[in-house]
Amino acid sequence: MKKDIHPEYHFINIEMTDGTKYQTRSTWGAEGDTMRLDVDSKSHPVWTGGGTRVIEKGQMKKFQDKYAGFGLAEEDA
């Protein structure tokens, strides 16, 4: 393995959007730096189920409309 090609791996502090903090190891920044998150699992709609949540039925309808008649014949009922 080549020497001196890997970034330094050190402890940094993470500050969540609600103000909670924890320490982890990373190659980001320098030892002791604080990374303040703009978006995390406590604030992002994907995890919180907020207003911008994807509506599966609407997405499926959009897909079906886009690919309607793409060589697939509908079955007669």
PDB file of N, CA and C in Angstrom:
ATOM      1  N   MET A   1       0.829  -1.190   0.000  1.00  0.00           N
ATOM      2  CA  MET A   1       0.000   0.000   0.000  1.00  0.00           C
ATOM      3  C   MET A   1       0.870   1.248   0.000  1.00  0.00           C
ATOM      4  N   LYS A   2       0.478   2.243  -0.758  1.00  0.00           N
ATOM      5  CA  LYS A   2       1.236   3.487  -0.809  1.00  0.00           C
ATOM      6  C   LYS A   2       1.088   4.244   0.503  1.00  0.00           C
ATOM      7  N   LYS A   3       2.146   4.869   0.922  1.00  0.00           N
ATOM      8  CA  LYS A   3       2.119   5.651   2.156  1.00  0.00           C
ATOM      9  C   LYS A   3       1.695   7.090   1.868  1.00  0.00           C
ATOM     10  N   ASP A   4       1.087   7.716   2.854  1.00  0.00           N
ATOM     11  CA  ASP A   4       0.728   9.145   2.829  1.00  0.00           C
ATOM     12  C   ASP A   4      -0.240   9.526   1.714  1.00  0.00           C
ATOM     13  N   ILE A   5      -1.134   8.605   1.295  1.00  0.00           N
ATOM     14  CA  ILE A   5      -2.127   8.964   0.282  1.00  0.00           C
ATOM     15  C   ILE A   5      -3.539   9.032   0.866  1.00  0.00           C
ATOM     16  N   HIS A   6      -3.714   8.565   2.079  1.00  0.00           N
ATOM     17  CA  HIS A   6      -5.035   8.542   2.696  1.00  0.00           C
ATOM     18  C   HIS A   6      -5.264   9.781   3.547  1.00  0.00           C
ATOM     19  N   PRO A   7      -6.488  10.331   3.549  1.00  0.00           N
ATOM     20  CA  PRO A   7      -6.766  11.513   4.367  1.00  0.00           C
ATOM     21  C   PRO A   7      -6.712  11.171   5.857  1.00  0.00           C
ATOM     22  N   GLU A   8      -6.468  12.183   6.654  1.00  0.00           N
ATOM     23  CA  GLU A   8      -6.410  12.004   8.115  1.00  0.00           C
ATOM     24  C   GLU A   8      -7.802  11.684   8.646  1.00  0.00           C
ATOM     25  N   TYR A   9      -7.897  10.703   9.503  1.00  0.00           N
ATOM     26  CA  TYR A   9      -9.158  10.258  10.105  1.00  0.00           C
ATOM     27  C   TYR A   9      -9.136  10.699  11.557  1.00  0.00           C
ATOM     28  N   HIS A  10     -10.073  11.570  11.961  1.00  0.00           N
ATOM     29  CA  HIS A  10     -10.024  12.191  13.286  1.00  0.00           C
ATOM     30  C   HIS A  10     -11.440  12.386  13.835  1.00  0.00           C
ATOM     31  N   PHE A  11     -11.525  12.840  15.088  1.00  0.00           N
ATOM     32  CA  PHE A  11     -12.814  13.093  15.727  1.00  0.00           C
ATOM     33  C   PHE A  11     -13.322  14.487  15.366  1.00  0.00           C
ATOM     34  N   ILE A  12     -14.626  14.562  15.023  1.00  0.00           N
ATOM     35  CA  ILE A  12     -15.308  15.846  14.813  1.00  0.00           C
ATOM     36  C   ILE A  12     -16.616  15.816  15.590  1.00  0.00           C
ATOM     37  N   ASN A  13     -17.222  16.975  15.760  1.00  0.00           N
ATOM     38  CA  ASN A  13     -18.509  17.093  16.440  1.00  0.00           C
ATOM     39  C   ASN A  13     -19.596  17.338  15.403  1.00  0.00           C
ATOM     40  N   ILE A  14     -20.739  16.697  15.578  1.00  0.00           N
ATOM     41  CA  ILE A  14     -21.891  16.884  14.698  1.00  0.00           C
ATOM     42  C   ILE A  14     -22.982  17.577  15.499  1.00  0.00           C
ATOM     43  N   GLU A  15     -23.558  18.645  14.928  1.00  0.00           N
ATOM     44  CA  GLU A  15     -24.675  19.337  15.569  1.00  0.00           C
ATOM     45  C   GLU A  15     -25.906  19.167  14.684  1.00  0.00           C
ATOM     46  N   MET A  16     -26.934  18.498  15.231  1.00  0.00           N
ATOM     47  CA  MET A  16     -28.165  18.237  14.500  1.00  0.00           C
ATOM     48  C   MET A  16     -29.000  19.519  14.414  1.00  0.00           C
ATOM     49  N   THR A  17     -30.060  19.497  13.606  1.00  0.00           N
ATOM     50  CA  THR A  17     -30.892  20.683  13.427  1.00  0.00           C
ATOM     51  C   THR A  17     -31.623  21.092  14.699  1.00  0.00           C
ATOM     52  N   ASP A  18     -31.855  20.139  15.612  1.00  0.00           N
ATOM     53  CA  ASP A  18     -32.540  20.473  16.870  1.00  0.00           C
ATOM     54  C   ASP A  18     -31.569  20.869  17.974  1.00  0.00           C
ATOM     55  N   GLY A  19     -30.279  20.947  17.661  1.00  0.00           N
ATOM     56  CA  GLY A  19     -29.282  21.380  18.636  1.00  0.00           C
ATOM     57  C   GLY A  19     -28.552  20.260  19.349  1.00  0.00           C
ATOM     58  N   THR A  20     -29.008  19.014  19.221  1.00  0.00           N
ATOM     59  CA  THR A  20     -28.293  17.908  19.857  1.00  0.00           C
ATOM     60  C   THR A  20     -26.953  17.719  19.176  1.00  0.00           C
ATOM     61  N   LYS A  21     -25.994  17.256  19.954  1.00  0.00           N
ATOM     62  CA  LYS A  21     -24.624  17.097  19.447  1.00  0.00           C
ATOM     63  C   LYS A  21     -24.105  15.707  19.765  1.00  0.00           C
ATOM     64  N   TYR A  22     -23.241  15.218  18.912  1.00  0.00           N
ATOM     65  CA  TYR A  22     -22.531  13.978  19.193  1.00  0.00           C
ATOM     66  C   TYR A  22     -21.176  14.021  18.494  1.00  0.00           C
ATOM     67  N   GLN A  23     -20.314  13.116  18.870  1.00  0.00           N
ATOM     68  CA  GLN A  23     -18.966  13.072  18.318  1.00  0.00           C
ATOM     69  C   GLN A  23     -18.809  11.811  17.478  1.00  0.00           C
ATOM     70  N   THR A  24     -18.140  11.961  16.340  1.00  0.00           N
ATOM     71  CA  THR A  24     -17.877  10.823  15.465  1.00  0.00           C
ATOM     72  C   THR A  24     -16.517  11.022  14.812  1.00  0.00           C
ATOM     73  N   ARG A  25     -16.084   9.999  14.096  1.00  0.00           N
ATOM     74  CA  ARG A  25     -14.810  10.106  13.379  1.00  0.00           C
ATOM     75  C   ARG A  25     -15.090  10.351  11.910  1.00  0.00           C
ATOM     76  N   SER A  26     -14.245  11.161  11.276  1.00  0.00           N
ATOM     77  CA  SER A  26     -14.461  11.537   9.886  1.00  0.00           C
ATOM     78  C   SER A  26     -13.168  12.028   9.259  1.00  0.00           C
ATOM     79  N   THR A  27     -13.183  12.157   7.934  1.00  0.00           N
ATOM     80  CA  THR A  27     -12.062  12.779   7.227  1.00  0.00           C
ATOM     81  C   THR A  27     -12.385  14.251   6.934  1.00  0.00           C
ATOM     82  N   TRP A  28     -13.607  14.693   7.278  1.00  0.00           N
ATOM     83  CA  TRP A  28     -14.034  16.068   7.046  1.00  0.00           C
ATOM     84  C   TRP A  28     -13.366  17.002   8.039  1.00  0.00           C
ATOM     85  N   GLY A  29     -12.965  18.170   7.606  1.00  0.00           N
ATOM     86  CA  GLY A  29     -12.456  19.206   8.495  1.00  0.00           C
ATOM     87  C   GLY A  29     -11.196  18.804   9.235  1.00  0.00           C
ATOM     88  N   ALA A  30     -11.036  19.397  10.419  1.00  0.00           N
ATOM     89  CA  ALA A  30      -9.875  19.123  11.265  1.00  0.00           C
ATOM     90  C   ALA A  30     -10.355  18.592  12.613  1.00  0.00           C
ATOM     91  N   GLU A  31      -9.454  18.042  13.373  1.00  0.00           N
ATOM     92  CA  GLU A  31      -9.760  17.502  14.701  1.00  0.00           C
ATOM     93  C   GLU A  31     -10.511  18.546  15.522  1.00  0.00           C
ATOM     94  N   GLY A  32     -11.693  18.163  16.042  1.00  0.00           N
ATOM     95  CA  GLY A  32     -12.469  19.044  16.907  1.00  0.00           C
ATOM     96  C   GLY A  32     -13.416  19.998  16.200  1.00  0.00           C
ATOM     97  N   ASP A  33     -13.402  20.054  14.862  1.00  0.00           N
ATOM     98  CA  ASP A  33     -14.327  20.927  14.132  1.00  0.00           C
ATOM     99  C   ASP A  33     -15.769  20.484  14.366  1.00  0.00           C
ATOM    100  N   THR A  34     -16.715  21.417  14.188  1.00  0.00           N
ATOM    101  CA  THR A  34     -18.131  21.106  14.350  1.00  0.00           C
ATOM    102  C   THR A  34     -18.834  21.222  13.002  1.00  0.00           C
ATOM    103  N   MET A  35     -19.517  20.142  12.602  1.00  0.00           N
ATOM    104  CA  MET A  35     -20.319  20.139  11.385  1.00  0.00           C
ATOM    105  C   MET A  35     -21.763  20.395  11.805  1.00  0.00           C
ATOM    106  N   ARG A  36     -22.326  21.516  11.356  1.00  0.00           N
ATOM    107  CA  ARG A  36     -23.720  21.851  11.665  1.00  0.00           C
ATOM    108  C   ARG A  36     -24.588  21.438  10.478  1.00  0.00           C
ATOM    109  N   LEU A  37     -25.518  20.548  10.726  1.00  0.00           N
ATOM    110  CA  LEU A  37     -26.356  20.018   9.669  1.00  0.00           C
ATOM    111  C   LEU A  37     -27.533  20.938   9.363  1.00  0.00           C
ATOM    112  N   ASP A  38     -27.812  21.145   8.078  1.00  0.00           N
ATOM    113  CA  ASP A  38     -28.985  21.908   7.650  1.00  0.00           C
ATOM    114  C   ASP A  38     -30.200  20.997   7.568  1.00  0.00           C
ATOM    115  N   VAL A  39     -29.976  19.737   7.226  1.00  0.00           N
ATOM    116  CA  VAL A  39     -31.035  18.751   7.073  1.00  0.00           C
ATOM    117  C   VAL A  39     -30.556  17.460   7.723  1.00  0.00           C
ATOM    118  N   ASP A  40     -31.435  16.836   8.490  1.00  0.00           N
ATOM    119  CA  ASP A  40     -31.110  15.541   9.085  1.00  0.00           C
ATOM    120  C   ASP A  40     -32.388  14.733   9.245  1.00  0.00           C
ATOM    121  N   SER A  41     -32.279  13.571   9.856  1.00  0.00           N
ATOM    122  CA  SER A  41     -33.437  12.685   9.989  1.00  0.00           C
ATOM    123  C   SER A  41     -34.532  13.258  10.886  1.00  0.00           C
ATOM    124  N   LYS A  42     -34.221  14.282  11.654  1.00  0.00           N
ATOM    125  CA  LYS A  42     -35.229  14.890  12.532  1.00  0.00           C
ATOM    126  C   LYS A  42     -35.994  16.019  11.839  1.00  0.00           C
ATOM    127  N   SER A  43     -35.491  16.463  10.673  1.00  0.00           N
ATOM    128  CA  SER A  43     -36.149  17.589  10.011  1.00  0.00           C
ATOM    129  C   SER A  43     -36.552  17.320   8.563  1.00  0.00           C
ATOM    130  N   HIS A  44     -36.012  16.301   7.929  1.00  0.00           N
ATOM    131  CA  HIS A  44     -36.293  16.054   6.517  1.00  0.00           C
ATOM    132  C   HIS A  44     -37.631  15.341   6.337  1.00  0.00           C
ATOM    133  N   PRO A  45     -38.465  15.783   5.401  1.00  0.00           N
ATOM    134  CA  PRO A  45     -39.795  15.201   5.199  1.00  0.00           C
ATOM    135  C   PRO A  45     -39.800  13.704   4.887  1.00  0.00           C
ATOM    136  N   VAL A  46     -38.737  13.188   4.307  1.00  0.00           N
ATOM    137  CA  VAL A  46     -38.689  11.752   4.018  1.00  0.00           C
ATOM    138  C   VAL A  46     -38.829  10.949   5.310  1.00  0.00           C
ATOM    139  N   TRP A  47     -38.188  11.419   6.388  1.00  0.00           N
ATOM    140  CA  TRP A  47     -38.254  10.716   7.662  1.00  0.00           C
ATOM    141  C   TRP A  47     -39.416  11.175   8.537  1.00  0.00           C
ATOM    142  N   THR A  48     -39.812  12.438   8.403  1.00  0.00           N
ATOM    143  CA  THR A  48     -40.841  12.965   9.294  1.00  0.00           C
ATOM    144  C   THR A  48     -42.249  12.796   8.744  1.00  0.00           C
ATOM    145  N   GLY A  49     -42.379  12.497   7.441  1.00  0.00           N
ATOM    146  CA  GLY A  49     -43.703  12.354   6.841  1.00  0.00           C
ATOM    147  C   GLY A  49     -44.381  13.684   6.612  1.00  0.00           C
ATOM    148  N   GLY A  50     -43.603  14.716   6.357  1.00  0.00           N
ATOM    149  CA  GLY A  50     -44.134  16.058   6.184  1.00  0.00           C
ATOM    150  C   GLY A  50     -44.881  16.262   4.886  1.00  0.00           C
ATOM    151  N   GLY A  51     -45.197  17.508   4.593  1.00  0.00           N
ATOM    152  CA  GLY A  51     -46.030  17.872   3.464  1.00  0.00           C
ATOM    153  C   GLY A  51     -45.484  17.501   2.105  1.00  0.00           C
ATOM    154  N   THR A  52     -44.174  17.374   1.954  1.00  0.00           N
ATOM    155  CA  THR A  52     -43.612  17.054   0.650  1.00  0.00           C
ATOM    156  C   THR A  52     -43.434  15.552   0.460  1.00  0.00           C
ATOM    157  N   ARG A  53     -44.086  14.784   1.271  1.00  0.00           N
ATOM    158  CA  ARG A  53     -43.993  13.331   1.170  1.00  0.00           C
ATOM    159  C   ARG A  53     -44.537  12.854  -0.183  1.00  0.00           C
ATOM    160  N   VAL A  54     -43.872  11.898  -0.776  1.00  0.00           N
ATOM    161  CA  VAL A  54     -44.300  11.374  -2.068  1.00  0.00           C
ATOM    162  C   VAL A  54     -45.601  10.603  -1.884  1.00  0.00           C
ATOM    163  N   ILE A  55     -46.552  10.900  -2.731  1.00  0.00           N
ATOM    164  CA  ILE A  55     -47.830  10.192  -2.687  1.00  0.00           C
ATOM    165  C   ILE A  55     -47.740   9.060  -3.692  1.00  0.00           C
ATOM    166  N   GLU A  56     -47.691   7.833  -3.170  1.00  0.00           N
ATOM    167  CA  GLU A  56     -47.438   6.677  -4.020  1.00  0.00           C
ATOM    168  C   GLU A  56     -48.485   6.524  -5.118  1.00  0.00           C
ATOM    169  N   LYS A  57     -49.757   6.723  -4.793  1.00  0.00           N
ATOM    170  CA  LYS A  57     -50.811   6.560  -5.781  1.00  0.00           C
ATOM    171  C   LYS A  57     -50.620   7.548  -6.930  1.00  0.00           C
ATOM    172  N   GLY A  58     -50.297   8.771  -6.615  1.00  0.00           N
ATOM    173  CA  GLY A  58     -50.071   9.779  -7.643  1.00  0.00           C
ATOM    174  C   GLY A  58     -48.875   9.456  -8.513  1.00  0.00           C
ATOM    175  N   GLN A  59     -47.812   8.953  -7.919  1.00  0.00           N
ATOM    176  CA  GLN A  59     -46.624   8.585  -8.672  1.00  0.00           C
ATOM    177  C   GLN A  59     -46.916   7.403  -9.593  1.00  0.00           C
ATOM    178  N   MET A  60     -47.693   6.446  -9.112  1.00  0.00           N
ATOM    179  CA  MET A  60     -48.033   5.275  -9.921  1.00  0.00           C
ATOM    180  C   MET A  60     -48.900   5.688 -11.108  1.00  0.00           C
ATOM    181  N   LYS A  61     -49.850   6.575 -10.879  1.00  0.00           N
ATOM    182  CA  LYS A  61     -50.720   7.071 -11.953  1.00  0.00           C
ATOM    183  C   LYS A  61     -49.882   7.803 -12.999  1.00  0.00           C
ATOM    184  N   LYS A  62     -48.942   8.601 -12.546  1.00  0.00           N
ATOM    185  CA  LYS A  62     -48.068   9.340 -13.454  1.00  0.00           C
ATOM    186  C   LYS A  62     -47.247   8.364 -14.309  1.00  0.00           C
ATOM    187  N   PHE A  63     -46.734   7.305 -13.698  1.00  0.00           N
ATOM    188  CA  PHE A  63     -45.971   6.284 -14.412  1.00  0.00           C
ATOM    189  C   PHE A  63     -46.841   5.580 -15.444  1.00  0.00           C
ATOM    190  N   GLN A  64     -48.057   5.186 -15.032  1.00  0.00           N
ATOM    191  CA  GLN A  64     -48.962   4.478 -15.941  1.00  0.00           C
ATOM    192  C   GLN A  64     -49.355   5.357 -17.128  1.00  0.00           C
ATOM    193  N   ASP A  65     -49.607   6.632 -16.881  1.00  0.00           N
ATOM    194  CA  ASP A  65     -49.944   7.544 -17.964  1.00  0.00           C
ATOM    195  C   ASP A  65     -48.769   7.713 -18.932  1.00  0.00           C
ATOM    196  N   LYS A  66     -47.569   7.807 -18.381  1.00  0.00           N
ATOM    197  CA  LYS A  66     -46.381   8.017 -19.203  1.00  0.00           C
ATOM    198  C   LYS A  66     -46.124   6.833 -20.124  1.00  0.00           C
ATOM    199  N   TYR A  67     -46.326   5.612 -19.614  1.00  0.00           N
ATOM    200  CA  TYR A  67     -46.007   4.425 -20.389  1.00  0.00           C
ATOM    201  C   TYR A  67     -47.232   3.682 -20.901  1.00  0.00           C
ATOM    202  N   ALA A  68     -48.366   4.331 -20.926  1.00  0.00           N
ATOM    203  CA  ALA A  68     -49.587   3.717 -21.478  1.00  0.00           C
ATOM    204  C   ALA A  68     -49.373   3.474 -22.969  1.00  0.00           C
ATOM    205  N   GLY A  69     -49.712   2.292 -23.418  1.00  0.00           N
ATOM    206  CA  GLY A  69     -49.572   1.960 -24.828  1.00  0.00           C
ATOM    207  C   GLY A  69     -48.154   1.710 -25.261  1.00  0.00           C
ATOM    208  N   PHE A  70     -47.283   1.373 -24.346  1.00  0.00           N
ATOM    209  CA  PHE A  70     -45.882   1.109 -24.663  1.00  0.00           C
ATOM    210  C   PHE A  70     -45.693  -0.361 -25.049  1.00  0.00           C
ATOM    211  N   GLY A  71     -46.600  -0.858 -25.862  1.00  0.00           N
ATOM    212  CA  GLY A  71     -46.482  -2.237 -26.336  1.00  0.00           C
ATOM    213  C   GLY A  71     -47.148  -3.260 -25.444  1.00  0.00           C
ATOM    214  N   LEU A  72     -47.775  -2.827 -24.366  1.00  0.00           N
ATOM    215  CA  LEU A  72     -48.459  -3.755 -23.485  1.00  0.00           C
ATOM    216  C   LEU A  72     -49.952  -3.626 -23.714  1.00  0.00           C
ATOM    217  N   ALA A  73     -50.574  -4.699 -24.130  1.00  0.00           N
ATOM    218  CA  ALA A  73     -52.016  -4.665 -24.379  1.00  0.00           C
ATOM    219  C   ALA A  73     -52.757  -4.879 -23.075  1.00  0.00           C
ATOM    220  N   GLU A  74     -53.826  -4.112 -22.876  1.00  0.00           N
ATOM    221  CA  GLU A  74     -54.631  -4.290 -21.683  1.00  0.00           C
ATOM    222  C   GLU A  74     -55.494  -5.532 -21.869  1.00  0.00           C
ATOM    223  N   GLU A  75     -55.660  -6.287 -20.797  1.00  0.00           N
ATOM    224  CA  GLU A  75     -56.468  -7.500 -20.844  1.00  0.00           C
ATOM    225  C   GLU A  75     -57.936  -7.141 -20.863  1.00  0.00           C
ATOM    226  N   ASP A  76     -58.714  -7.894 -21.643  1.00  0.00           N
ATOM    227  CA  ASP A  76     -60.163  -7.668 -21.663  1.00  0.00           C
ATOM    228  C   ASP A  76     -60.780  -8.301 -20.429  1.00  0.00           C
ATOM    229  N   ALA A  77     -61.651  -7.586 -19.788  1.00  0.00           N
ATOM    230  CA  ALA A  77     -62.260  -8.098 -18.561  1.00  0.00           C
ATOM    231  C   ALA A  77     -63.582  -8.758 -18.836  1.00  0.00           C
TER     232      ALA A  77
END
